[in-house]
Amino acid sequence: MERAAGTFQDRLVTELRLADARTMDQTTAVLQDFLPRYNARFAVQPEHPEPAYRPVDPDLTLSEILCFKDTRKVGRDGCSRTVRARQVFERRTSSVAGSPA
């Protein structure tokens, strides 16, 4: 609830409780009423309305530079560990990478 720069401060939770919203449709109806009132009260116009980003260099391949690529080994327990995650793989009868099981 604090994603909107800390201004929700449980207001949305309270609105949902007061409206007794218990389903997605009821919650949607509450949001359609709440958000315009919320935005009217807390919205701030930007000092500089033009976009602040720069165009992406067309020579960049974003799918290559905005990802993590790791080389890993699968242990005897069928797990591969990295700093970010632990993955468990199904055991296969073949030990050659890329060959069908």
C-alpha atoms as a PDB file:
ATOM      1  CA  MET A   1       0.000   0.000   0.000  1.00  0.00           C
ATOM      2  CA  GLU A   2       2.980   2.306   0.315  1.00  0.00           C
ATOM      3  CA  ARG A   3       4.030   2.143  -3.350  1.00  0.00           C
ATOM      4  CA  ALA A   4       2.457   5.490  -4.233  1.00  0.00           C
ATOM      5  CA  ALA A   5       5.260   7.474  -2.572  1.00  0.00           C
ATOM      6  CA  GLY A   6       4.002   6.564   0.901  1.00  0.00           C
ATOM      7  CA  THR A   7       0.710   8.431   0.552  1.00  0.00           C
ATOM      8  CA  PHE A   8      -1.779   5.550   0.643  1.00  0.00           C
ATOM      9  CA  GLN A   9      -1.083   5.032   4.369  1.00  0.00           C
ATOM     10  CA  ASP A  10      -3.739   2.330   4.584  1.00  0.00           C
ATOM     11  CA  ARG A  11      -6.346   4.617   2.987  1.00  0.00           C
ATOM     12  CA  LEU A  12      -7.137   2.017   0.349  1.00  0.00           C
ATOM     13  CA  VAL A  13      -7.480  -0.759   2.926  1.00  0.00           C
ATOM     14  CA  THR A  14      -9.844   1.444   4.915  1.00  0.00           C
ATOM     15  CA  GLU A  15     -11.862   2.309   1.791  1.00  0.00           C
ATOM     16  CA  LEU A  16     -12.202  -1.383   0.943  1.00  0.00           C
ATOM     17  CA  ARG A  17     -13.312  -2.200   4.492  1.00  0.00           C
ATOM     18  CA  LEU A  18     -15.835   0.646   4.616  1.00  0.00           C
ATOM     19  CA  ALA A  19     -17.295  -0.463   1.290  1.00  0.00           C
ATOM     20  CA  ASP A  20     -17.337  -4.095   2.518  1.00  0.00           C
ATOM     21  CA  ALA A  21     -15.621  -5.098  -0.739  1.00  0.00           C
ATOM     22  CA  ARG A  22     -15.104  -8.844  -0.744  1.00  0.00           C
ATOM     23  CA  THR A  23     -14.989  -9.774  -4.420  1.00  0.00           C
ATOM     24  CA  MET A  24     -12.896  -8.619  -7.374  1.00  0.00           C
ATOM     25  CA  ASP A  25     -15.899  -6.827  -8.886  1.00  0.00           C
ATOM     26  CA  GLN A  26     -16.614  -4.988  -5.626  1.00  0.00           C
ATOM     27  CA  THR A  27     -12.941  -4.077  -5.241  1.00  0.00           C
ATOM     28  CA  THR A  28     -12.817  -2.800  -8.823  1.00  0.00           C
ATOM     29  CA  ALA A  29     -15.863  -0.624  -8.178  1.00  0.00           C
ATOM     30  CA  VAL A  30     -14.252   0.820  -5.025  1.00  0.00           C
ATOM     31  CA  LEU A  31     -11.019   1.519  -6.917  1.00  0.00           C
ATOM     32  CA  GLN A  32     -12.882   3.272  -9.726  1.00  0.00           C
ATOM     33  CA  ASP A  33     -14.333   5.638  -7.128  1.00  0.00           C
ATOM     34  CA  PHE A  34     -11.263   5.903  -4.883  1.00  0.00           C
ATOM     35  CA  LEU A  35      -8.453   6.490  -7.384  1.00  0.00           C
ATOM     36  CA  PRO A  36      -9.848   9.678  -8.999  1.00  0.00           C
ATOM     37  CA  ARG A  37     -10.401  11.182  -5.526  1.00  0.00           C
ATOM     38  CA  TYR A  38      -6.936  10.069  -4.419  1.00  0.00           C
ATOM     39  CA  ASN A  39      -5.279  11.465  -7.555  1.00  0.00           C
ATOM     40  CA  ALA A  40      -7.152  14.773  -7.273  1.00  0.00           C
ATOM     41  CA  ARG A  41      -5.851  15.188  -3.742  1.00  0.00           C
ATOM     42  CA  PHE A  42      -2.244  13.979  -4.092  1.00  0.00           C
ATOM     43  CA  ALA A  43      -1.278  14.348  -7.764  1.00  0.00           C
ATOM     44  CA  VAL A  44       1.600  16.730  -8.446  1.00  0.00           C
ATOM     45  CA  GLN A  45       2.320  18.155 -11.852  1.00  0.00           C
ATOM     46  CA  PRO A  46       5.914  17.595 -12.994  1.00  0.00           C
ATOM     47  CA  GLU A  47       8.223  20.584 -13.003  1.00  0.00           C
ATOM     48  CA  HIS A  48       9.392  19.634 -16.496  1.00  0.00           C
ATOM     49  CA  PRO A  49       6.609  17.833 -18.400  1.00  0.00           C
ATOM     50  CA  GLU A  50       8.802  16.652 -21.272  1.00  0.00           C
ATOM     51  CA  PRO A  51      10.146  13.075 -20.970  1.00  0.00           C
ATOM     52  CA  ALA A  52      13.491  12.839 -19.172  1.00  0.00           C
ATOM     53  CA  TYR A  53      14.708   9.666 -20.870  1.00  0.00           C
ATOM     54  CA  ARG A  54      17.097   9.451 -23.775  1.00  0.00           C
ATOM     55  CA  PRO A  55      16.382   7.310 -26.834  1.00  0.00           C
ATOM     56  CA  VAL A  56      17.948   3.856 -26.756  1.00  0.00           C
ATOM     57  CA  ASP A  57      20.927   3.399 -29.048  1.00  0.00           C
ATOM     58  CA  PRO A  58      19.629   1.245 -31.935  1.00  0.00           C
ATOM     59  CA  ASP A  59      22.919  -0.693 -31.920  1.00  0.00           C
ATOM     60  CA  LEU A  60      22.192  -2.052 -28.410  1.00  0.00           C
ATOM     61  CA  THR A  61      20.630  -5.463 -28.043  1.00  0.00           C
ATOM     62  CA  LEU A  62      18.637  -5.004 -24.830  1.00  0.00           C
ATOM     63  CA  SER A  63      17.767  -8.700 -24.526  1.00  0.00           C
ATOM     64  CA  GLU A  64      21.498  -9.410 -24.198  1.00  0.00           C
ATOM     65  CA  ILE A  65      22.521  -6.645 -21.803  1.00  0.00           C
ATOM     66  CA  LEU A  66      19.482  -6.668 -19.503  1.00  0.00           C
ATOM     67  CA  CYS A  67      19.703 -10.289 -18.403  1.00  0.00           C
ATOM     68  CA  PHE A  68      21.766 -12.574 -16.204  1.00  0.00           C
ATOM     69  CA  LYS A  69      23.714 -15.360 -17.868  1.00  0.00           C
ATOM     70  CA  ASP A  70      25.379 -17.873 -15.589  1.00  0.00           C
ATOM     71  CA  THR A  71      27.374 -21.018 -16.191  1.00  0.00           C
ATOM     72  CA  ARG A  72      26.354 -23.649 -13.674  1.00  0.00           C
ATOM     73  CA  LYS A  73      26.915 -27.276 -12.906  1.00  0.00           C
ATOM     74  CA  VAL A  74      24.192 -29.623 -11.765  1.00  0.00           C
ATOM     75  CA  GLY A  75      25.267 -31.564  -8.715  1.00  0.00           C
ATOM     76  CA  ARG A  76      24.669 -35.241  -8.011  1.00  0.00           C
ATOM     77  CA  ASP A  77      21.576 -34.260  -6.025  1.00  0.00           C
ATOM     78  CA  GLY A  78      20.023 -32.777  -9.175  1.00  0.00           C
ATOM     79  CA  CYS A  79      20.358 -29.189  -7.940  1.00  0.00           C
ATOM     80  CA  SER A  80      22.069 -26.168  -9.381  1.00  0.00           C
ATOM     81  CA  ARG A  81      22.863 -23.323  -7.027  1.00  0.00           C
ATOM     82  CA  THR A  82      23.641 -19.681  -7.733  1.00  0.00           C
ATOM     83  CA  VAL A  83      23.779 -16.617  -5.549  1.00  0.00           C
ATOM     84  CA  ARG A  84      20.211 -15.768  -6.577  1.00  0.00           C
ATOM     85  CA  ALA A  85      18.461 -19.122  -6.655  1.00  0.00           C
ATOM     86  CA  ARG A  86      18.487 -22.876  -6.203  1.00  0.00           C
ATOM     87  CA  GLN A  87      17.040 -24.950  -9.010  1.00  0.00           C
ATOM     88  CA  VAL A  88      16.100 -28.608  -8.885  1.00  0.00           C
ATOM     89  CA  PHE A  89      16.182 -30.552 -12.144  1.00  0.00           C
ATOM     90  CA  GLU A  90      14.495 -33.822 -12.996  1.00  0.00           C
ATOM     91  CA  ARG A  91      16.832 -36.752 -13.199  1.00  0.00           C
ATOM     92  CA  ARG A  92      17.307 -38.218 -16.653  1.00  0.00           C
ATOM     93  CA  THR A  93      18.938 -41.454 -17.705  1.00  0.00           C
ATOM     94  CA  SER A  94      21.235 -39.735 -20.228  1.00  0.00           C
ATOM     95  CA  SER A  95      24.130 -37.659 -18.985  1.00  0.00           C
ATOM     96  CA  VAL A  96      24.860 -35.991 -22.318  1.00  0.00           C
ATOM     97  CA  ALA A  97      23.613 -32.399 -22.497  1.00  0.00           C
ATOM     98  CA  GLY A  98      20.916 -31.885 -25.111  1.00  0.00           C
ATOM     99  CA  SER A  99      20.218 -35.573 -25.726  1.00  0.00           C
ATOM    100  CA  PRO A 100      16.698 -36.894 -25.141  1.00  0.00           C
ATOM    101  CA  ALA A 101      16.006 -38.895 -22.022  1.00  0.00           C
END
